[in-house]
PDB file of N, CA and C in Angstrom:
ATOM      1  N   MET A   1      86.513 -25.530  -0.843  1.00  0.00           N
ATOM      2  CA  MET A   1      85.646 -24.740  -0.535  1.00  0.00           C
ATOM      3  C   MET A   1      84.459 -24.993   0.046  1.00  0.00           C
ATOM      4  N   MET A   2      83.577 -25.124   1.420  1.00  0.00           N
ATOM      5  CA  MET A   2      82.725 -26.015   1.794  1.00  0.00           C
ATOM      6  C   MET A   2      81.355 -25.434   0.911  1.00  0.00           C
ATOM      7  N   ILE A   3      80.504 -26.025   0.831  1.00  0.00           N
ATOM      8  CA  ILE A   3      79.092 -25.820   0.418  1.00  0.00           C
ATOM      9  C   ILE A   3      78.323 -25.989   1.590  1.00  0.00           C
ATOM     10  N   PRO A   4      77.719 -24.845   1.516  1.00  0.00           N
ATOM     11  CA  PRO A   4      76.515 -24.346   2.773  1.00  0.00           C
ATOM     12  C   PRO A   4      76.024 -25.382   2.756  1.00  0.00           C
ATOM     13  N   LYS A   5      75.419 -25.988   4.079  1.00  0.00           N
ATOM     14  CA  LYS A   5      73.755 -26.945   3.739  1.00  0.00           C
ATOM     15  C   LYS A   5      72.820 -26.155   3.999  1.00  0.00           C
ATOM     16  N   TYR A   6      71.963 -26.070   2.283  1.00  0.00           N
ATOM     17  CA  TYR A   6      70.280 -25.702   3.160  1.00  0.00           C
ATOM     18  C   TYR A   6      69.394 -26.482   3.254  1.00  0.00           C
ATOM     19  N   ILE A   7      68.840 -26.772   3.799  1.00  0.00           N
ATOM     20  CA  ILE A   7      67.261 -27.075   4.582  1.00  0.00           C
ATOM     21  C   ILE A   7      66.081 -26.607   4.426  1.00  0.00           C
ATOM     22  N   MET A   8      65.273 -27.388   3.639  1.00  0.00           N
ATOM     23  CA  MET A   8      63.970 -26.620   3.116  1.00  0.00           C
ATOM     24  C   MET A   8      63.309 -27.596   3.673  1.00  0.00           C
ATOM     25  N   SER A   9      62.209 -26.704   5.003  1.00  0.00           N
ATOM     26  CA  SER A   9      61.473 -27.251   5.766  1.00  0.00           C
ATOM     27  C   SER A   9      60.338 -27.260   5.102  1.00  0.00           C
ATOM     28  N   ILE A  10      59.102 -28.703   4.953  1.00  0.00           N
ATOM     29  CA  ILE A  10      57.621 -28.554   4.414  1.00  0.00           C
ATOM     30  C   ILE A  10      56.832 -28.984   5.663  1.00  0.00           C
ATOM     31  N   THR A  11      55.791 -27.798   5.948  1.00  0.00           N
ATOM     32  CA  THR A  11      54.911 -28.913   6.885  1.00  0.00           C
ATOM     33  C   THR A  11      53.759 -28.630   6.410  1.00  0.00           C
ATOM     34  N   ALA A  12      52.892 -30.021   6.119  1.00  0.00           N
ATOM     35  CA  ALA A  12      51.328 -29.881   5.613  1.00  0.00           C
ATOM     36  C   ALA A  12      50.502 -30.964   7.142  1.00  0.00           C
ATOM     37  N   LYS A  13      49.454 -30.518   6.946  1.00  0.00           N
ATOM     38  CA  LYS A  13      48.045 -30.744   7.440  1.00  0.00           C
ATOM     39  C   LYS A  13      47.435 -31.867   6.878  1.00  0.00           C
ATOM     40  N   CYS A  14      46.651 -33.113   6.661  1.00  0.00           N
ATOM     41  CA  CYS A  14      46.476 -33.935   5.701  1.00  0.00           C
ATOM     42  C   CYS A  14      45.311 -34.353   6.331  1.00  0.00           C
ATOM     43  N   ALA A  15      44.964 -33.977   7.230  1.00  0.00           N
ATOM     44  CA  ALA A  15      43.358 -33.820   7.829  1.00  0.00           C
ATOM     45  C   ALA A  15      42.838 -35.204   7.455  1.00  0.00           C
ATOM     46  N   ASP A  16      43.339 -35.764   8.042  1.00  0.00           N
ATOM     47  CA  ASP A  16      42.672 -37.877   7.710  1.00  0.00           C
ATOM     48  C   ASP A  16      42.629 -37.961   6.288  1.00  0.00           C
ATOM     49  N   GLN A  17      43.505 -37.416   5.912  1.00  0.00           N
ATOM     50  CA  GLN A  17      44.089 -37.755   4.080  1.00  0.00           C
ATOM     51  C   GLN A  17      45.279 -38.031   3.117  1.00  0.00           C
ATOM     52  N   PHE A  18      46.242 -38.587   4.233  1.00  0.00           N
ATOM     53  CA  PHE A  18      47.689 -39.069   4.056  1.00  0.00           C
ATOM     54  C   PHE A  18      47.511 -39.820   2.951  1.00  0.00           C
ATOM     55  N   VAL A  19      47.841 -39.863   1.999  1.00  0.00           N
ATOM     56  CA  VAL A  19      47.078 -41.014   1.056  1.00  0.00           C
ATOM     57  C   VAL A  19      49.122 -41.325   0.392  1.00  0.00           C
ATOM     58  N   ALA A  20      49.527 -42.953   1.064  1.00  0.00           N
ATOM     59  CA  ALA A  20      50.763 -43.848   0.055  1.00  0.00           C
ATOM     60  C   ALA A  20      50.863 -44.434  -0.681  1.00  0.00           C
ATOM     61  N   ASN A  21      51.389 -44.336  -1.956  1.00  0.00           N
ATOM     62  CA  ASN A  21      51.141 -45.912  -2.361  1.00  0.00           C
ATOM     63  C   ASN A  21      52.274 -46.733  -2.451  1.00  0.00           C
ATOM     64  N   LEU A  22      52.323 -47.850  -2.869  1.00  0.00           N
ATOM     65  CA  LEU A  22      53.831 -48.582  -2.959  1.00  0.00           C
ATOM     66  C   LEU A  22      53.748 -49.074  -4.754  1.00  0.00           C
ATOM     67  N   SER A  23      54.368 -49.158  -5.380  1.00  0.00           N
ATOM     68  CA  SER A  23      54.612 -49.640  -6.899  1.00  0.00           C
ATOM     69  C   SER A  23      56.289 -50.122  -6.926  1.00  0.00           C
ATOM     70  N   LYS A  24      56.139 -50.912  -7.563  1.00  0.00           N
ATOM     71  CA  LYS A  24      57.137 -51.920  -7.738  1.00  0.00           C
ATOM     72  C   LYS A  24      57.010 -52.213  -9.709  1.00  0.00           C
ATOM     73  N   ASP A  25      58.368 -51.870 -10.211  1.00  0.00           N
ATOM     74  CA  ASP A  25      58.104 -51.130 -11.312  1.00  0.00           C
ATOM     75  C   ASP A  25      57.104 -51.141 -12.236  1.00  0.00           C
ATOM     76  N   GLY A  26      56.457 -49.671 -11.683  1.00  0.00           N
ATOM     77  CA  GLY A  26      55.527 -48.936 -12.137  1.00  0.00           C
ATOM     78  C   GLY A  26      53.718 -50.075 -12.052  1.00  0.00           C
ATOM     79  N   LYS A  27      53.887 -50.838 -11.426  1.00  0.00           N
ATOM     80  CA  LYS A  27      52.871 -51.298 -10.909  1.00  0.00           C
ATOM     81  C   LYS A  27      52.219 -51.261  -9.471  1.00  0.00           C
ATOM     82  N   SER A  28      51.453 -51.044  -9.009  1.00  0.00           N
ATOM     83  CA  SER A  28      50.653 -51.391  -7.491  1.00  0.00           C
ATOM     84  C   SER A  28      50.730 -52.529  -7.281  1.00  0.00           C
ATOM     85  N   VAL A  29      51.918 -52.319  -6.014  1.00  0.00           N
ATOM     86  CA  VAL A  29      51.300 -53.204  -4.937  1.00  0.00           C
ATOM     87  C   VAL A  29      50.809 -53.120  -3.305  1.00  0.00           C
ATOM     88  N   GLY A  30      50.167 -54.283  -3.350  1.00  0.00           N
ATOM     89  CA  GLY A  30      49.121 -54.065  -1.753  1.00  0.00           C
ATOM     90  C   GLY A  30      48.205 -53.168  -1.592  1.00  0.00           C
ATOM     91  N   LYS A  31      47.773 -52.260  -0.985  1.00  0.00           N
ATOM     92  CA  LYS A  31      46.449 -51.374  -0.379  1.00  0.00           C
ATOM     93  C   LYS A  31      46.802 -50.062  -0.527  1.00  0.00           C
ATOM     94  N   GLU A  32      46.612 -49.091  -1.018  1.00  0.00           N
ATOM     95  CA  GLU A  32      46.818 -48.405  -0.993  1.00  0.00           C
ATOM     96  C   GLU A  32      46.383 -47.717   0.482  1.00  0.00           C
ATOM     97  N   TYR A  33      47.313 -46.347   1.063  1.00  0.00           N
ATOM     98  CA  TYR A  33      47.150 -46.315   2.329  1.00  0.00           C
ATOM     99  C   TYR A  33      46.373 -45.140   2.582  1.00  0.00           C
ATOM    100  N   VAL A  34      45.353 -44.579   3.545  1.00  0.00           N
ATOM    101  CA  VAL A  34      44.989 -43.985   3.336  1.00  0.00           C
ATOM    102  C   VAL A  34      44.187 -43.694   4.997  1.00  0.00           C
ATOM    103  N   GLY A  35      44.812 -42.034   5.446  1.00  0.00           N
ATOM    104  CA  GLY A  35      44.282 -42.149   7.016  1.00  0.00           C
ATOM    105  C   GLY A  35      45.428 -41.552   7.419  1.00  0.00           C
ATOM    106  N   TYR A  36      45.558 -41.532   8.737  1.00  0.00           N
ATOM    107  CA  TYR A  36      46.883 -40.770   9.303  1.00  0.00           C
ATOM    108  C   TYR A  36      48.484 -40.705   9.062  1.00  0.00           C
ATOM    109  N   VAL A  37      49.005 -40.111   9.160  1.00  0.00           N
ATOM    110  CA  VAL A  37      50.520 -40.075   8.909  1.00  0.00           C
ATOM    111  C   VAL A  37      50.636 -41.496   9.408  1.00  0.00           C
ATOM    112  N   PRO A  38      52.042 -42.301   9.142  1.00  0.00           N
ATOM    113  CA  PRO A  38      52.322 -43.585   8.785  1.00  0.00           C
ATOM    114  C   PRO A  38      53.437 -43.394  10.528  1.00  0.00           C
ATOM    115  N   ASP A  39      53.458 -43.738  10.792  1.00  0.00           N
ATOM    116  CA  ASP A  39      55.272 -44.028  12.158  1.00  0.00           C
ATOM    117  C   ASP A  39      56.061 -43.607  10.991  1.00  0.00           C
ATOM    118  N   PHE A  40      56.430 -44.549  10.563  1.00  0.00           N
ATOM    119  CA  PHE A  40      57.588 -44.754   9.301  1.00  0.00           C
ATOM    120  C   PHE A  40      58.581 -43.115   9.135  1.00  0.00           C
ATOM    121  N   MET A  41      57.252 -42.049   8.946  1.00  0.00           N
ATOM    122  CA  MET A  41      57.640 -40.792   8.419  1.00  0.00           C
ATOM    123  C   MET A  41      58.805 -40.514   9.468  1.00  0.00           C
ATOM    124  N   PRO A  42      59.736 -39.724   9.271  1.00  0.00           N
ATOM    125  CA  PRO A  42      60.582 -39.161   9.445  1.00  0.00           C
ATOM    126  C   PRO A  42      60.279 -37.687  10.919  1.00  0.00           C
ATOM    127  N   GLY A  43      61.335 -36.972  11.790  1.00  0.00           N
ATOM    128  CA  GLY A  43      60.718 -36.215  11.742  1.00  0.00           C
ATOM    129  C   GLY A  43      59.338 -35.806  13.053  1.00  0.00           C
ATOM    130  N   LYS A  44      59.087 -34.733  13.042  1.00  0.00           N
ATOM    131  CA  LYS A  44      57.575 -34.646  13.991  1.00  0.00           C
ATOM    132  C   LYS A  44      56.883 -35.012  12.948  1.00  0.00           C
ATOM    133  N   HIS A  45      55.872 -36.332  13.301  1.00  0.00           N
ATOM    134  CA  HIS A  45      55.026 -36.459  12.050  1.00  0.00           C
ATOM    135  C   HIS A  45      54.109 -37.222  13.447  1.00  0.00           C
ATOM    136  N   TYR A  46      52.556 -36.843  12.919  1.00  0.00           N
ATOM    137  CA  TYR A  46      51.646 -37.001  14.039  1.00  0.00           C
ATOM    138  C   TYR A  46      50.169 -36.992  13.552  1.00  0.00           C
ATOM    139  N   GLY A  47      49.445 -37.975  13.652  1.00  0.00           N
ATOM    140  CA  GLY A  47      48.075 -37.332  13.156  1.00  0.00           C
ATOM    141  C   GLY A  47      48.081 -36.836  11.888  1.00  0.00           C
ATOM    142  N   ASP A  48      47.445 -35.794  11.665  1.00  0.00           N
ATOM    143  CA  ASP A  48      46.853 -35.495  10.759  1.00  0.00           C
ATOM    144  C   ASP A  48      48.516 -34.056  10.026  1.00  0.00           C
ATOM    145  N   TYR A  49      49.720 -34.577  10.828  1.00  0.00           N
ATOM    146  CA  TYR A  49      50.817 -33.587  10.449  1.00  0.00           C
ATOM    147  C   TYR A  49      51.787 -33.963   9.633  1.00  0.00           C
ATOM    148  N   VAL A  50      52.281 -33.868   8.752  1.00  0.00           N
ATOM    149  CA  VAL A  50      53.847 -34.318   8.228  1.00  0.00           C
ATOM    150  C   VAL A  50      54.865 -33.290   8.096  1.00  0.00           C
ATOM    151  N   GLU A  51      55.922 -33.565   8.348  1.00  0.00           N
ATOM    152  CA  GLU A  51      57.096 -32.292   8.708  1.00  0.00           C
ATOM    153  C   GLU A  51      58.216 -33.005   7.737  1.00  0.00           C
ATOM    154  N   LEU A  52      58.881 -32.725   6.566  1.00  0.00           N
ATOM    155  CA  LEU A  52      59.737 -33.137   6.148  1.00  0.00           C
ATOM    156  C   LEU A  52      60.694 -32.251   5.814  1.00  0.00           C
ATOM    157  N   ASP A  53      62.226 -32.472   6.122  1.00  0.00           N
ATOM    158  CA  ASP A  53      63.216 -31.716   5.943  1.00  0.00           C
ATOM    159  C   ASP A  53      64.461 -32.084   5.110  1.00  0.00           C
ATOM    160  N   ILE A  54      64.294 -31.452   4.069  1.00  0.00           N
ATOM    161  CA  ILE A  54      64.865 -31.437   2.117  1.00  0.00           C
ATOM    162  C   ILE A  54      66.113 -31.191   2.319  1.00  0.00           C
ATOM    163  N   ASP A  55      67.437 -32.043   2.003  1.00  0.00           N
ATOM    164  CA  ASP A  55      68.183 -30.847   1.768  1.00  0.00           C
ATOM    165  C   ASP A  55      69.007 -30.608   0.447  1.00  0.00           C
ATOM    166  N   ILE A  56      68.889 -29.894   0.393  1.00  0.00           N
ATOM    167  CA  ILE A  56      69.044 -28.840  -0.877  1.00  0.00           C
ATOM    168  C   ILE A  56      69.519 -29.112  -1.881  1.00  0.00           C
ATOM    169  N   VAL A  57      70.879 -29.440  -1.159  1.00  0.00           N
ATOM    170  CA  VAL A  57      71.632 -29.807  -2.488  1.00  0.00           C
ATOM    171  C   VAL A  57      71.987 -31.566  -3.322  1.00  0.00           C
ATOM    172  N   THR A  58      71.601 -32.437  -1.907  1.00  0.00           N
ATOM    173  CA  THR A  58      71.730 -33.540  -2.248  1.00  0.00           C
ATOM    174  C   THR A  58      69.853 -34.155  -2.769  1.00  0.00           C
ATOM    175  N   GLY A  59      69.173 -33.566  -2.450  1.00  0.00           N
ATOM    176  CA  GLY A  59      68.027 -33.711  -3.078  1.00  0.00           C
ATOM    177  C   GLY A  59      67.113 -35.046  -1.843  1.00  0.00           C
ATOM    178  N   GLN A  60      68.204 -35.215  -1.058  1.00  0.00           N
ATOM    179  CA  GLN A  60      67.381 -35.871   0.208  1.00  0.00           C
ATOM    180  C   GLN A  60      66.587 -36.023   1.429  1.00  0.00           C
ATOM    181  N   ILE A  61      65.554 -36.726   1.932  1.00  0.00           N
ATOM    182  CA  ILE A  61      65.038 -36.413   2.809  1.00  0.00           C
ATOM    183  C   ILE A  61      65.596 -36.947   3.846  1.00  0.00           C
ATOM    184  N   VAL A  62      65.750 -35.091   4.912  1.00  0.00           N
ATOM    185  CA  VAL A  62      67.184 -35.946   6.020  1.00  0.00           C
ATOM    186  C   VAL A  62      66.281 -36.320   7.489  1.00  0.00           C
ATOM    187  N   ASN A  63      66.654 -37.460   7.934  1.00  0.00           N
ATOM    188  CA  ASN A  63      66.528 -38.209   8.407  1.00  0.00           C
ATOM    189  C   ASN A  63      65.233 -39.946   8.082  1.00  0.00           C
ATOM    190  N   TRP A  64      65.703 -39.537   7.006  1.00  0.00           N
ATOM    191  CA  TRP A  64      64.571 -40.703   6.314  1.00  0.00           C
ATOM    192  C   TRP A  64      65.066 -42.069   7.002  1.00  0.00           C
ATOM    193  N   LYS A  65      64.375 -42.766   7.127  1.00  0.00           N
ATOM    194  CA  LYS A  65      64.589 -44.660   7.507  1.00  0.00           C
ATOM    195  C   LYS A  65      64.080 -45.127   6.596  1.00  0.00           C
ATOM    196  N   ARG A  66      65.671 -46.208   6.734  1.00  0.00           N
ATOM    197  CA  ARG A  66      64.908 -47.540   5.502  1.00  0.00           C
ATOM    198  C   ARG A  66      64.132 -47.984   6.396  1.00  0.00           C
ATOM    199  N   LEU A  67      63.109 -48.337   5.433  1.00  0.00           N
ATOM    200  CA  LEU A  67      61.636 -48.915   5.624  1.00  0.00           C
ATOM    201  C   LEU A  67      61.992 -50.393   6.316  1.00  0.00           C
ATOM    202  N   THR A  68      61.076 -50.922   7.179  1.00  0.00           N
ATOM    203  CA  THR A  68      61.201 -52.358   7.234  1.00  0.00           C
ATOM    204  C   THR A  68      60.503 -52.895   6.623  1.00  0.00           C
ATOM    205  N   THR A  69      60.446 -54.319   6.645  1.00  0.00           N
ATOM    206  CA  THR A  69      59.487 -55.531   6.090  1.00  0.00           C
ATOM    207  C   THR A  69      58.553 -54.864   6.690  1.00  0.00           C
ATOM    208  N   GLY A  70      58.438 -55.170   8.303  1.00  0.00           N
ATOM    209  CA  GLY A  70      56.910 -55.239   8.694  1.00  0.00           C
ATOM    210  C   GLY A  70      56.720 -53.493   8.486  1.00  0.00           C
ATOM    211  N   ASP A  71      57.464 -52.635   8.292  1.00  0.00           N
ATOM    212  CA  ASP A  71      56.495 -51.686   8.066  1.00  0.00           C
ATOM    213  C   ASP A  71      55.469 -51.327   6.498  1.00  0.00           C
ATOM    214  N   ILE A  72      56.814 -51.945   5.619  1.00  0.00           N
ATOM    215  CA  ILE A  72      55.706 -51.886   3.950  1.00  0.00           C
ATOM    216  C   ILE A  72      54.301 -52.843   4.507  1.00  0.00           C
ATOM    217  N   LYS A  73      54.634 -54.331   4.715  1.00  0.00           N
ATOM    218  CA  LYS A  73      53.033 -55.107   5.157  1.00  0.00           C
ATOM    219  C   LYS A  73      52.620 -54.310   5.666  1.00  0.00           C
ATOM    220  N   ARG A  74      52.466 -53.637   7.315  1.00  0.00           N
ATOM    221  CA  ARG A  74      51.766 -52.922   7.923  1.00  0.00           C
ATOM    222  C   ARG A  74      51.091 -52.045   7.035  1.00  0.00           C
ATOM    223  N   THR A  75      51.531 -51.075   6.848  1.00  0.00           N
ATOM    224  CA  THR A  75      51.064 -49.725   5.721  1.00  0.00           C
ATOM    225  C   THR A  75      50.692 -49.795   4.438  1.00  0.00           C
ATOM    226  N   PHE A  76      50.458 -51.346   3.718  1.00  0.00           N
ATOM    227  CA  PHE A  76      50.076 -51.317   2.252  1.00  0.00           C
ATOM    228  C   PHE A  76      49.384 -53.076   2.629  1.00  0.00           C
ATOM    229  N   GLU A  77      49.119 -53.710   3.567  1.00  0.00           N
ATOM    230  CA  GLU A  77      48.783 -54.743   3.901  1.00  0.00           C
ATOM    231  C   GLU A  77      49.320 -55.969   2.819  1.00  0.00           C
ATOM    232  N   VAL A  78      50.779 -55.475   3.100  1.00  0.00           N
ATOM    233  CA  VAL A  78      51.207 -56.405   1.391  1.00  0.00           C
ATOM    234  C   VAL A  78      51.519 -57.935   1.898  1.00  0.00           C
ATOM    235  N   LYS A  79      51.215 -59.338   1.331  1.00  0.00           N
ATOM    236  CA  LYS A  79      52.056 -60.321   1.886  1.00  0.00           C
ATOM    237  C   LYS A  79      52.979 -60.848   1.804  1.00  0.00           C
TER     238      LYS A  79
END
């Protein structure tokens, strides 16, 4: 029996207040990112808007791509 694929779509407007933190072993690494939605976000993301599709069965964000070292350095100013 095939399990149906349920996708939950989330859309949020951040109004220049998108915030992301990077941590390793529970400790902050780099600088907190505040501003527009970063380019590495999947799907339609631009300016103040972030849109995520989540596979309900797996709990995974659909189309999430692995971040590159450049993405991490640029976003969180990690050296």
